[in-house]
Amino acid sequence: MELNPVDDASPPAAQARPKTGAVVGALAGAALIASYLFAYCLINALVAAEVISRWQPNHDPRPRFFVGAFVTMLGLFSGFAFLARTMSRRQMTKIDEMESD
């Protein structure tokens, strides 16, 4: 008896869509990590290399850079998601129109 791998293969499982909360959380986490690296690690390295001068006591600009970078990245991620969703919706509409013709 000869075994055919196609006959033995089980049907592919339906792929579940990722949950919106998990995706937003992952993007927010990525923005948080990247903004921390920019605001604290990069700025500290630039100060240590004497590329920029040290700031006055009680005038640390790093928290402002951190929040600004986080908000900017989150906005860019949201804009990209909106653009991708809009383009996908348009393409699906075109496909549906082709199917109905």
PDB file of N, CA and C in Angstrom:
ATOM      1  N   MET A   1       0.846  -1.166   0.000  1.00  0.00           N
ATOM      2  CA  MET A   1       0.000   0.000   0.000  1.00  0.00           C
ATOM      3  C   MET A   1       0.901   1.241   0.000  1.00  0.00           C
ATOM      4  N   GLU A   2       0.616   2.116  -0.902  1.00  0.00           N
ATOM      5  CA  GLU A   2       1.417   3.324  -1.065  1.00  0.00           C
ATOM      6  C   GLU A   2       0.728   4.488  -0.362  1.00  0.00           C
ATOM      7  N   LEU A   3       1.484   5.227   0.404  1.00  0.00           N
ATOM      8  CA  LEU A   3       0.924   6.375   1.110  1.00  0.00           C
ATOM      9  C   LEU A   3       1.143   7.636   0.290  1.00  0.00           C
ATOM     10  N   ASN A   4       0.086   8.361   0.139  1.00  0.00           N
ATOM     11  CA  ASN A   4       0.155   9.635  -0.568  1.00  0.00           C
ATOM     12  C   ASN A   4       0.114  10.743   0.478  1.00  0.00           C
ATOM     13  N   PRO A   5       1.132  11.599   0.536  1.00  0.00           N
ATOM     14  CA  PRO A   5       1.142  12.630   1.577  1.00  0.00           C
ATOM     15  C   PRO A   5      -0.020  13.605   1.459  1.00  0.00           C
ATOM     16  N   VAL A   6      -0.559  13.768   0.268  1.00  0.00           N
ATOM     17  CA  VAL A   6      -1.683  14.686   0.099  1.00  0.00           C
ATOM     18  C   VAL A   6      -2.933  14.103   0.739  1.00  0.00           C
ATOM     19  N   ASP A   7      -3.122  12.788   0.633  1.00  0.00           N
ATOM     20  CA  ASP A   7      -4.293  12.152   1.222  1.00  0.00           C
ATOM     21  C   ASP A   7      -4.235  12.160   2.749  1.00  0.00           C
ATOM     22  N   ASP A   8      -3.033  12.065   3.296  1.00  0.00           N
ATOM     23  CA  ASP A   8      -2.879  12.006   4.743  1.00  0.00           C
ATOM     24  C   ASP A   8      -2.901  13.379   5.407  1.00  0.00           C
ATOM     25  N   ALA A   9      -2.777  14.410   4.621  1.00  0.00           N
ATOM     26  CA  ALA A   9      -2.714  15.758   5.196  1.00  0.00           C
ATOM     27  C   ALA A   9      -4.078  16.157   5.732  1.00  0.00           C
ATOM     28  N   SER A  10      -4.063  16.726   6.911  1.00  0.00           N
ATOM     29  CA  SER A  10      -5.312  17.210   7.482  1.00  0.00           C
ATOM     30  C   SER A  10      -5.624  18.577   6.885  1.00  0.00           C
ATOM     31  N   PRO A  11      -6.895  18.952   6.866  1.00  0.00           N
ATOM     32  CA  PRO A  11      -7.237  20.260   6.305  1.00  0.00           C
ATOM     33  C   PRO A  11      -6.622  21.374   7.148  1.00  0.00           C
ATOM     34  N   PRO A  12      -6.193  22.460   6.496  1.00  0.00           N
ATOM     35  CA  PRO A  12      -5.561  23.538   7.268  1.00  0.00           C
ATOM     36  C   PRO A  12      -6.555  24.182   8.224  1.00  0.00           C
ATOM     37  N   ALA A  13      -6.071  24.482   9.394  1.00  0.00           N
ATOM     38  CA  ALA A  13      -6.919  25.133  10.395  1.00  0.00           C
ATOM     39  C   ALA A  13      -7.141  26.587   9.991  1.00  0.00           C
ATOM     40  N   ALA A  14      -8.326  27.069  10.264  1.00  0.00           N
ATOM     41  CA  ALA A  14      -8.630  28.469   9.958  1.00  0.00           C
ATOM     42  C   ALA A  14      -7.768  29.362  10.848  1.00  0.00           C
ATOM     43  N   GLN A  15      -7.137  30.340  10.236  1.00  0.00           N
ATOM     44  CA  GLN A  15      -6.277  31.230  11.008  1.00  0.00           C
ATOM     45  C   GLN A  15      -7.130  32.269  11.713  1.00  0.00           C
ATOM     46  N   ALA A  16      -6.940  32.363  12.999  1.00  0.00           N
ATOM     47  CA  ALA A  16      -7.686  33.340  13.784  1.00  0.00           C
ATOM     48  C   ALA A  16      -7.035  34.709  13.619  1.00  0.00           C
ATOM     49  N   ARG A  17      -7.855  35.730  13.536  1.00  0.00           N
ATOM     50  CA  ARG A  17      -7.340  37.092  13.437  1.00  0.00           C
ATOM     51  C   ARG A  17      -6.768  37.498  14.786  1.00  0.00           C
ATOM     52  N   PRO A  18      -5.685  38.253  14.773  1.00  0.00           N
ATOM     53  CA  PRO A  18      -5.138  38.705  16.057  1.00  0.00           C
ATOM     54  C   PRO A  18      -6.099  39.671  16.734  1.00  0.00           C
ATOM     55  N   LYS A  19      -6.117  39.639  18.034  1.00  0.00           N
ATOM     56  CA  LYS A  19      -7.008  40.524  18.783  1.00  0.00           C
ATOM     57  C   LYS A  19      -6.469  41.947  18.737  1.00  0.00           C
ATOM     58  N   THR A  20      -7.378  42.890  18.597  1.00  0.00           N
ATOM     59  CA  THR A  20      -6.999  44.294  18.458  1.00  0.00           C
ATOM     60  C   THR A  20      -6.224  44.780  19.675  1.00  0.00           C
ATOM     61  N   GLY A  21      -6.664  44.398  20.847  1.00  0.00           N
ATOM     62  CA  GLY A  21      -5.981  44.824  22.068  1.00  0.00           C
ATOM     63  C   GLY A  21      -4.546  44.328  22.133  1.00  0.00           C
ATOM     64  N   ALA A  22      -4.323  43.098  21.682  1.00  0.00           N
ATOM     65  CA  ALA A  22      -2.966  42.547  21.695  1.00  0.00           C
ATOM     66  C   ALA A  22      -2.067  43.284  20.706  1.00  0.00           C
ATOM     67  N   VAL A  23      -2.604  43.620  19.543  1.00  0.00           N
ATOM     68  CA  VAL A  23      -1.815  44.341  18.536  1.00  0.00           C
ATOM     69  C   VAL A  23      -1.497  45.752  19.019  1.00  0.00           C
ATOM     70  N   VAL A  24      -2.487  46.439  19.561  1.00  0.00           N
ATOM     71  CA  VAL A  24      -2.263  47.801  20.072  1.00  0.00           C
ATOM     72  C   VAL A  24      -1.268  47.766  21.231  1.00  0.00           C
ATOM     73  N   GLY A  25      -1.389  46.769  22.093  1.00  0.00           N
ATOM     74  CA  GLY A  25      -0.446  46.632  23.203  1.00  0.00           C
ATOM     75  C   GLY A  25       0.976  46.374  22.728  1.00  0.00           C
ATOM     76  N   ALA A  26       1.124  45.538  21.703  1.00  0.00           N
ATOM     77  CA  ALA A  26       2.457  45.265  21.165  1.00  0.00           C
ATOM     78  C   ALA A  26       3.064  46.517  20.535  1.00  0.00           C
ATOM     79  N   LEU A  27       2.255  47.270  19.793  1.00  0.00           N
ATOM     80  CA  LEU A  27       2.756  48.505  19.184  1.00  0.00           C
ATOM     81  C   LEU A  27       3.093  49.552  20.243  1.00  0.00           C
ATOM     82  N   ALA A  28       2.261  49.658  21.272  1.00  0.00           N
ATOM     83  CA  ALA A  28       2.551  50.603  22.355  1.00  0.00           C
ATOM     84  C   ALA A  28       3.821  50.185  23.098  1.00  0.00           C
ATOM     85  N   GLY A  29       4.000  48.895  23.303  1.00  0.00           N
ATOM     86  CA  GLY A  29       5.224  48.410  23.945  1.00  0.00           C
ATOM     87  C   GLY A  29       6.462  48.700  23.114  1.00  0.00           C
ATOM     88  N   ALA A  30       6.351  48.502  21.801  1.00  0.00           N
ATOM     89  CA  ALA A  30       7.478  48.805  20.917  1.00  0.00           C
ATOM     90  C   ALA A  30       7.797  50.297  20.936  1.00  0.00           C
ATOM     91  N   ALA A  31       6.759  51.130  20.918  1.00  0.00           N
ATOM     92  CA  ALA A  31       6.974  52.580  20.975  1.00  0.00           C
ATOM     93  C   ALA A  31       7.584  52.977  22.313  1.00  0.00           C
ATOM     94  N   LEU A  32       7.158  52.332  23.382  1.00  0.00           N
ATOM     95  CA  LEU A  32       7.692  52.628  24.714  1.00  0.00           C
ATOM     96  C   LEU A  32       9.177  52.281  24.802  1.00  0.00           C
ATOM     97  N   ILE A  33       9.537  51.112  24.311  1.00  0.00           N
ATOM     98  CA  ILE A  33      10.940  50.684  24.362  1.00  0.00           C
ATOM     99  C   ILE A  33      11.816  51.578  23.489  1.00  0.00           C
ATOM    100  N   ALA A  34      11.370  51.852  22.267  1.00  0.00           N
ATOM    101  CA  ALA A  34      12.168  52.680  21.359  1.00  0.00           C
ATOM    102  C   ALA A  34      12.311  54.102  21.884  1.00  0.00           C
ATOM    103  N   SER A  35      11.249  54.656  22.451  1.00  0.00           N
ATOM    104  CA  SER A  35      11.346  56.020  22.974  1.00  0.00           C
ATOM    105  C   SER A  35      12.237  56.072  24.211  1.00  0.00           C
ATOM    106  N   TYR A  36      12.231  55.030  25.034  1.00  0.00           N
ATOM    107  CA  TYR A  36      13.149  54.979  26.181  1.00  0.00           C
ATOM    108  C   TYR A  36      14.596  54.932  25.697  1.00  0.00           C
ATOM    109  N   LEU A  37      14.855  54.074  24.702  1.00  0.00           N
ATOM    110  CA  LEU A  37      16.215  53.978  24.177  1.00  0.00           C
ATOM    111  C   LEU A  37      16.682  55.309  23.608  1.00  0.00           C
ATOM    112  N   PHE A  38      15.799  56.006  22.925  1.00  0.00           N
ATOM    113  CA  PHE A  38      16.148  57.316  22.369  1.00  0.00           C
ATOM    114  C   PHE A  38      16.377  58.333  23.477  1.00  0.00           C
ATOM    115  N   ALA A  39      15.418  58.444  24.383  1.00  0.00           N
ATOM    116  CA  ALA A  39      15.442  59.532  25.361  1.00  0.00           C
ATOM    117  C   ALA A  39      16.517  59.356  26.424  1.00  0.00           C
ATOM    118  N   TYR A  40      16.753  58.154  26.851  1.00  0.00           N
ATOM    119  CA  TYR A  40      17.694  57.967  27.949  1.00  0.00           C
ATOM    120  C   TYR A  40      19.032  57.393  27.483  1.00  0.00           C
ATOM    121  N   CYS A  41      19.012  56.289  26.779  1.00  0.00           N
ATOM    122  CA  CYS A  41      20.274  55.643  26.407  1.00  0.00           C
ATOM    123  C   CYS A  41      21.063  56.473  25.402  1.00  0.00           C
ATOM    124  N   LEU A  42      20.414  56.932  24.353  1.00  0.00           N
ATOM    125  CA  LEU A  42      21.114  57.710  23.335  1.00  0.00           C
ATOM    126  C   LEU A  42      21.597  59.044  23.893  1.00  0.00           C
ATOM    127  N   ILE A  43      20.752  59.723  24.643  1.00  0.00           N
ATOM    128  CA  ILE A  43      21.142  61.014  25.216  1.00  0.00           C
ATOM    129  C   ILE A  43      22.291  60.831  26.211  1.00  0.00           C
ATOM    130  N   ASN A  44      22.246  59.788  27.036  1.00  0.00           N
ATOM    131  CA  ASN A  44      23.348  59.525  27.970  1.00  0.00           C
ATOM    132  C   ASN A  44      24.650  59.233  27.223  1.00  0.00           C
ATOM    133  N   ALA A  45      24.556  58.484  26.123  1.00  0.00           N
ATOM    134  CA  ALA A  45      25.755  58.193  25.336  1.00  0.00           C
ATOM    135  C   ALA A  45      26.319  59.466  24.711  1.00  0.00           C
ATOM    136  N   LEU A  46      25.455  60.345  24.244  1.00  0.00           N
ATOM    137  CA  LEU A  46      25.922  61.606  23.658  1.00  0.00           C
ATOM    138  C   LEU A  46      26.567  62.505  24.710  1.00  0.00           C
ATOM    139  N   VAL A  47      26.029  62.513  25.911  1.00  0.00           N
ATOM    140  CA  VAL A  47      26.631  63.297  26.999  1.00  0.00           C
ATOM    141  C   VAL A  47      27.978  62.697  27.387  1.00  0.00           C
ATOM    142  N   ALA A  48      28.053  61.366  27.475  1.00  0.00           N
ATOM    143  CA  ALA A  48      29.311  60.712  27.846  1.00  0.00           C
ATOM    144  C   ALA A  48      30.392  60.950  26.798  1.00  0.00           C
ATOM    145  N   ALA A  49      30.010  61.030  25.528  1.00  0.00           N
ATOM    146  CA  ALA A  49      30.974  61.286  24.460  1.00  0.00           C
ATOM    147  C   ALA A  49      31.255  62.774  24.288  1.00  0.00           C
ATOM    148  N   GLU A  50      30.622  63.578  25.113  1.00  0.00           N
ATOM    149  CA  GLU A  50      30.764  65.033  25.086  1.00  0.00           C
ATOM    150  C   GLU A  50      30.360  65.638  23.745  1.00  0.00           C
ATOM    151  N   VAL A  51      29.377  65.020  23.107  1.00  0.00           N
ATOM    152  CA  VAL A  51      28.808  65.579  21.879  1.00  0.00           C
ATOM    153  C   VAL A  51      27.833  66.690  22.237  1.00  0.00           C
ATOM    154  N   ILE A  52      27.085  66.484  23.313  1.00  0.00           N
ATOM    155  CA  ILE A  52      26.204  67.527  23.835  1.00  0.00           C
ATOM    156  C   ILE A  52      26.617  67.802  25.275  1.00  0.00           C
ATOM    157  N   SER A  53      26.319  68.996  25.736  1.00  0.00           N
ATOM    158  CA  SER A  53      26.720  69.358  27.100  1.00  0.00           C
ATOM    159  C   SER A  53      25.665  68.889  28.101  1.00  0.00           C
ATOM    160  N   ARG A  54      26.122  68.694  29.326  1.00  0.00           N
ATOM    161  CA  ARG A  54      25.211  68.275  30.390  1.00  0.00           C
ATOM    162  C   ARG A  54      24.297  69.443  30.743  1.00  0.00           C
ATOM    163  N   TRP A  55      23.070  69.139  31.071  1.00  0.00           N
ATOM    164  CA  TRP A  55      22.072  70.151  31.396  1.00  0.00           C
ATOM    165  C   TRP A  55      22.211  70.585  32.849  1.00  0.00           C
ATOM    166  N   GLN A  56      21.548  71.674  33.169  1.00  0.00           N
ATOM    167  CA  GLN A  56      21.565  72.205  34.532  1.00  0.00           C
ATOM    168  C   GLN A  56      20.759  71.282  35.456  1.00  0.00           C
ATOM    169  N   PRO A  57      21.101  71.235  36.735  1.00  0.00           N
ATOM    170  CA  PRO A  57      20.304  70.426  37.671  1.00  0.00           C
ATOM    171  C   PRO A  57      18.840  70.887  37.673  1.00  0.00           C
ATOM    172  N   ASN A  58      17.940  69.947  37.807  1.00  0.00           N
ATOM    173  CA  ASN A  58      16.485  70.169  37.811  1.00  0.00           C
ATOM    174  C   ASN A  58      15.946  70.637  36.464  1.00  0.00           C
ATOM    175  N   HIS A  59      16.718  70.515  35.388  1.00  0.00           N
ATOM    176  CA  HIS A  59      16.249  70.856  34.041  1.00  0.00           C
ATOM    177  C   HIS A  59      16.532  69.706  33.080  1.00  0.00           C
ATOM    178  N   ASP A  60      16.273  68.500  33.518  1.00  0.00           N
ATOM    179  CA  ASP A  60      16.548  67.307  32.719  1.00  0.00           C
ATOM    180  C   ASP A  60      15.565  67.241  31.545  1.00  0.00           C
ATOM    181  N   PRO A  61      16.046  67.271  30.291  1.00  0.00           N
ATOM    182  CA  PRO A  61      15.139  67.245  29.144  1.00  0.00           C
ATOM    183  C   PRO A  61      14.697  65.840  28.742  1.00  0.00           C
ATOM    184  N   ARG A  62      15.273  64.813  29.348  1.00  0.00           N
ATOM    185  CA  ARG A  62      14.989  63.449  28.904  1.00  0.00           C
ATOM    186  C   ARG A  62      13.537  63.021  29.078  1.00  0.00           C
ATOM    187  N   PRO A  63      12.837  63.342  30.162  1.00  0.00           N
ATOM    188  CA  PRO A  63      11.421  62.949  30.231  1.00  0.00           C
ATOM    189  C   PRO A  63      10.571  63.583  29.123  1.00  0.00           C
ATOM    190  N   ARG A  64      10.882  64.824  28.773  1.00  0.00           N
ATOM    191  CA  ARG A  64      10.147  65.486  27.691  1.00  0.00           C
ATOM    192  C   ARG A  64      10.434  64.792  26.358  1.00  0.00           C
ATOM    193  N   PHE A  65      11.705  64.427  26.119  1.00  0.00           N
ATOM    194  CA  PHE A  65      12.060  63.692  24.904  1.00  0.00           C
ATOM    195  C   PHE A  65      11.364  62.334  24.875  1.00  0.00           C
ATOM    196  N   PHE A  66      11.306  61.682  26.040  1.00  0.00           N
ATOM    197  CA  PHE A  66      10.673  60.371  26.141  1.00  0.00           C
ATOM    198  C   PHE A  66       9.194  60.441  25.758  1.00  0.00           C
ATOM    199  N   VAL A  67       8.474  61.377  26.348  1.00  0.00           N
ATOM    200  CA  VAL A  67       7.038  61.513  26.065  1.00  0.00           C
ATOM    201  C   VAL A  67       6.821  61.934  24.615  1.00  0.00           C
ATOM    202  N   GLY A  68       7.625  62.864  24.132  1.00  0.00           N
ATOM    203  CA  GLY A  68       7.486  63.311  22.747  1.00  0.00           C
ATOM    204  C   GLY A  68       7.737  62.194  21.749  1.00  0.00           C
ATOM    205  N   ALA A  69       8.777  61.408  21.980  1.00  0.00           N
ATOM    206  CA  ALA A  69       9.078  60.293  21.082  1.00  0.00           C
ATOM    207  C   ALA A  69       7.983  59.235  21.143  1.00  0.00           C
ATOM    208  N   PHE A  70       7.470  58.960  22.342  1.00  0.00           N
ATOM    209  CA  PHE A  70       6.414  57.960  22.486  1.00  0.00           C
ATOM    210  C   PHE A  70       5.148  58.381  21.745  1.00  0.00           C
ATOM    211  N   VAL A  71       4.734  59.618  21.940  1.00  0.00           N
ATOM    212  CA  VAL A  71       3.518  60.108  21.282  1.00  0.00           C
ATOM    213  C   VAL A  71       3.705  60.139  19.764  1.00  0.00           C
ATOM    214  N   THR A  72       4.877  60.559  19.308  1.00  0.00           N
ATOM    215  CA  THR A  72       5.148  60.603  17.871  1.00  0.00           C
ATOM    216  C   THR A  72       5.104  59.209  17.259  1.00  0.00           C
ATOM    217  N   MET A  73       5.763  58.246  17.887  1.00  0.00           N
ATOM    218  CA  MET A  73       5.768  56.884  17.345  1.00  0.00           C
ATOM    219  C   MET A  73       4.384  56.264  17.374  1.00  0.00           C
ATOM    220  N   LEU A  74       3.644  56.492  18.448  1.00  0.00           N
ATOM    221  CA  LEU A  74       2.291  55.954  18.517  1.00  0.00           C
ATOM    222  C   LEU A  74       1.421  56.570  17.428  1.00  0.00           C
ATOM    223  N   GLY A  75       1.594  57.861  17.165  1.00  0.00           N
ATOM    224  CA  GLY A  75       0.864  58.518  16.088  1.00  0.00           C
ATOM    225  C   GLY A  75       1.242  57.967  14.722  1.00  0.00           C
ATOM    226  N   LEU A  76       2.532  57.717  14.508  1.00  0.00           N
ATOM    227  CA  LEU A  76       2.965  57.139  13.236  1.00  0.00           C
ATOM    228  C   LEU A  76       2.414  55.728  13.053  1.00  0.00           C
ATOM    229  N   PHE A  77       2.448  54.926  14.105  1.00  0.00           N
ATOM    230  CA  PHE A  77       1.888  53.578  14.029  1.00  0.00           C
ATOM    231  C   PHE A  77       0.393  53.628  13.714  1.00  0.00           C
ATOM    232  N   SER A  78      -0.320  54.537  14.361  1.00  0.00           N
ATOM    233  CA  SER A  78      -1.762  54.665  14.129  1.00  0.00           C
ATOM    234  C   SER A  78      -2.045  55.128  12.708  1.00  0.00           C
ATOM    235  N   GLY A  79      -1.269  56.082  12.220  1.00  0.00           N
ATOM    236  CA  GLY A  79      -1.448  56.556  10.849  1.00  0.00           C
ATOM    237  C   GLY A  79      -1.174  55.467   9.835  1.00  0.00           C
ATOM    238  N   PHE A  80      -0.125  54.687  10.063  1.00  0.00           N
ATOM    239  CA  PHE A  80       0.184  53.577   9.169  1.00  0.00           C
ATOM    240  C   PHE A  80      -0.925  52.532   9.205  1.00  0.00           C
ATOM    241  N   ALA A  81      -1.456  52.235  10.382  1.00  0.00           N
ATOM    242  CA  ALA A  81      -2.546  51.261  10.495  1.00  0.00           C
ATOM    243  C   ALA A  81      -3.792  51.753   9.771  1.00  0.00           C
ATOM    244  N   PHE A  82      -4.105  53.039   9.905  1.00  0.00           N
ATOM    245  CA  PHE A  82      -5.261  53.605   9.210  1.00  0.00           C
ATOM    246  C   PHE A  82      -5.073  53.516   7.702  1.00  0.00           C
ATOM    247  N   LEU A  83      -3.878  53.846   7.226  1.00  0.00           N
ATOM    248  CA  LEU A  83      -3.593  53.786   5.793  1.00  0.00           C
ATOM    249  C   LEU A  83      -3.695  52.354   5.269  1.00  0.00           C
ATOM    250  N   ALA A  84      -3.131  51.406   5.990  1.00  0.00           N
ATOM    251  CA  ALA A  84      -3.185  50.009   5.566  1.00  0.00           C
ATOM    252  C   ALA A  84      -4.618  49.491   5.558  1.00  0.00           C
ATOM    253  N   ARG A  85      -5.390  49.854   6.560  1.00  0.00           N
ATOM    254  CA  ARG A  85      -6.781  49.393   6.626  1.00  0.00           C
ATOM    255  C   ARG A  85      -7.616  49.991   5.499  1.00  0.00           C
ATOM    256  N   THR A  86      -7.397  51.278   5.208  1.00  0.00           N
ATOM    257  CA  THR A  86      -8.130  51.933   4.129  1.00  0.00           C
ATOM    258  C   THR A  86      -7.786  51.310   2.783  1.00  0.00           C
ATOM    259  N   MET A  87      -6.504  51.068   2.543  1.00  0.00           N
ATOM    260  CA  MET A  87      -6.098  50.463   1.275  1.00  0.00           C
ATOM    261  C   MET A  87      -6.653  49.048   1.151  1.00  0.00           C
ATOM    262  N   SER A  88      -6.640  48.296   2.234  1.00  0.00           N
ATOM    263  CA  SER A  88      -7.169  46.937   2.212  1.00  0.00           C
ATOM    264  C   SER A  88      -8.664  46.945   1.919  1.00  0.00           C
ATOM    265  N   ARG A  89      -9.383  47.866   2.539  1.00  0.00           N
ATOM    266  CA  ARG A  89     -10.823  47.954   2.313  1.00  0.00           C
ATOM    267  C   ARG A  89     -11.121  48.288   0.849  1.00  0.00           C
ATOM    268  N   ARG A  90     -10.353  49.202   0.261  1.00  0.00           N
ATOM    269  CA  ARG A  90     -10.552  49.557  -1.150  1.00  0.00           C
ATOM    270  C   ARG A  90     -10.282  48.369  -2.059  1.00  0.00           C
ATOM    271  N   GLN A  91      -9.212  47.639  -1.779  1.00  0.00           N
ATOM    272  CA  GLN A  91      -8.890  46.484  -2.609  1.00  0.00           C
ATOM    273  C   GLN A  91      -9.969  45.407  -2.491  1.00  0.00           C
ATOM    274  N   MET A  92     -10.472  45.190  -1.289  1.00  0.00           N
ATOM    275  CA  MET A  92     -11.532  44.189  -1.120  1.00  0.00           C
ATOM    276  C   MET A  92     -12.803  44.616  -1.845  1.00  0.00           C
ATOM    277  N   THR A  93     -13.096  45.914  -1.845  1.00  0.00           N
ATOM    278  CA  THR A  93     -14.261  46.413  -2.575  1.00  0.00           C
ATOM    279  C   THR A  93     -14.089  46.178  -4.065  1.00  0.00           C
ATOM    280  N   LYS A  94     -12.893  46.431  -4.597  1.00  0.00           N
ATOM    281  CA  LYS A  94     -12.632  46.197  -6.020  1.00  0.00           C
ATOM    282  C   LYS A  94     -12.768  44.720  -6.363  1.00  0.00           C
ATOM    283  N   ILE A  95     -12.275  43.858  -5.500  1.00  0.00           N
ATOM    284  CA  ILE A  95     -12.382  42.416  -5.742  1.00  0.00           C
ATOM    285  C   ILE A  95     -13.840  41.988  -5.735  1.00  0.00           C
ATOM    286  N   ASP A  96     -14.616  42.502  -4.793  1.00  0.00           N
ATOM    287  CA  ASP A  96     -16.041  42.166  -4.738  1.00  0.00           C
ATOM    288  C   ASP A  96     -16.769  42.658  -5.975  1.00  0.00           C
ATOM    289  N   GLU A  97     -16.411  43.843  -6.488  1.00  0.00           N
ATOM    290  CA  GLU A  97     -17.035  44.361  -7.706  1.00  0.00           C
ATOM    291  C   GLU A  97     -16.685  43.496  -8.904  1.00  0.00           C
ATOM    292  N   MET A  98     -15.450  43.018  -8.982  1.00  0.00           N
ATOM    293  CA  MET A  98     -15.044  42.144 -10.085  1.00  0.00           C
ATOM    294  C   MET A  98     -15.800  40.827 -10.016  1.00  0.00           C
ATOM    295  N   GLU A  99     -16.030  40.337  -8.827  1.00  0.00           N
ATOM    296  CA  GLU A  99     -16.724  39.071  -8.644  1.00  0.00           C
ATOM    297  C   GLU A  99     -18.192  39.180  -9.039  1.00  0.00           C
ATOM    298  N   SER A 100     -18.798  40.332  -8.776  1.00  0.00           N
ATOM    299  CA  SER A 100     -20.221  40.486  -9.076  1.00  0.00           C
ATOM    300  C   SER A 100     -20.477  40.745 -10.558  1.00  0.00           C
ATOM    301  N   ASP A 101     -19.454  41.162 -11.303  1.00  0.00           N
ATOM    302  CA  ASP A 101     -19.644  41.413 -12.743  1.00  0.00           C
ATOM    303  C   ASP A 101     -19.742  40.159 -13.542  1.00  0.00           C
TER     304      ASP A 101
END
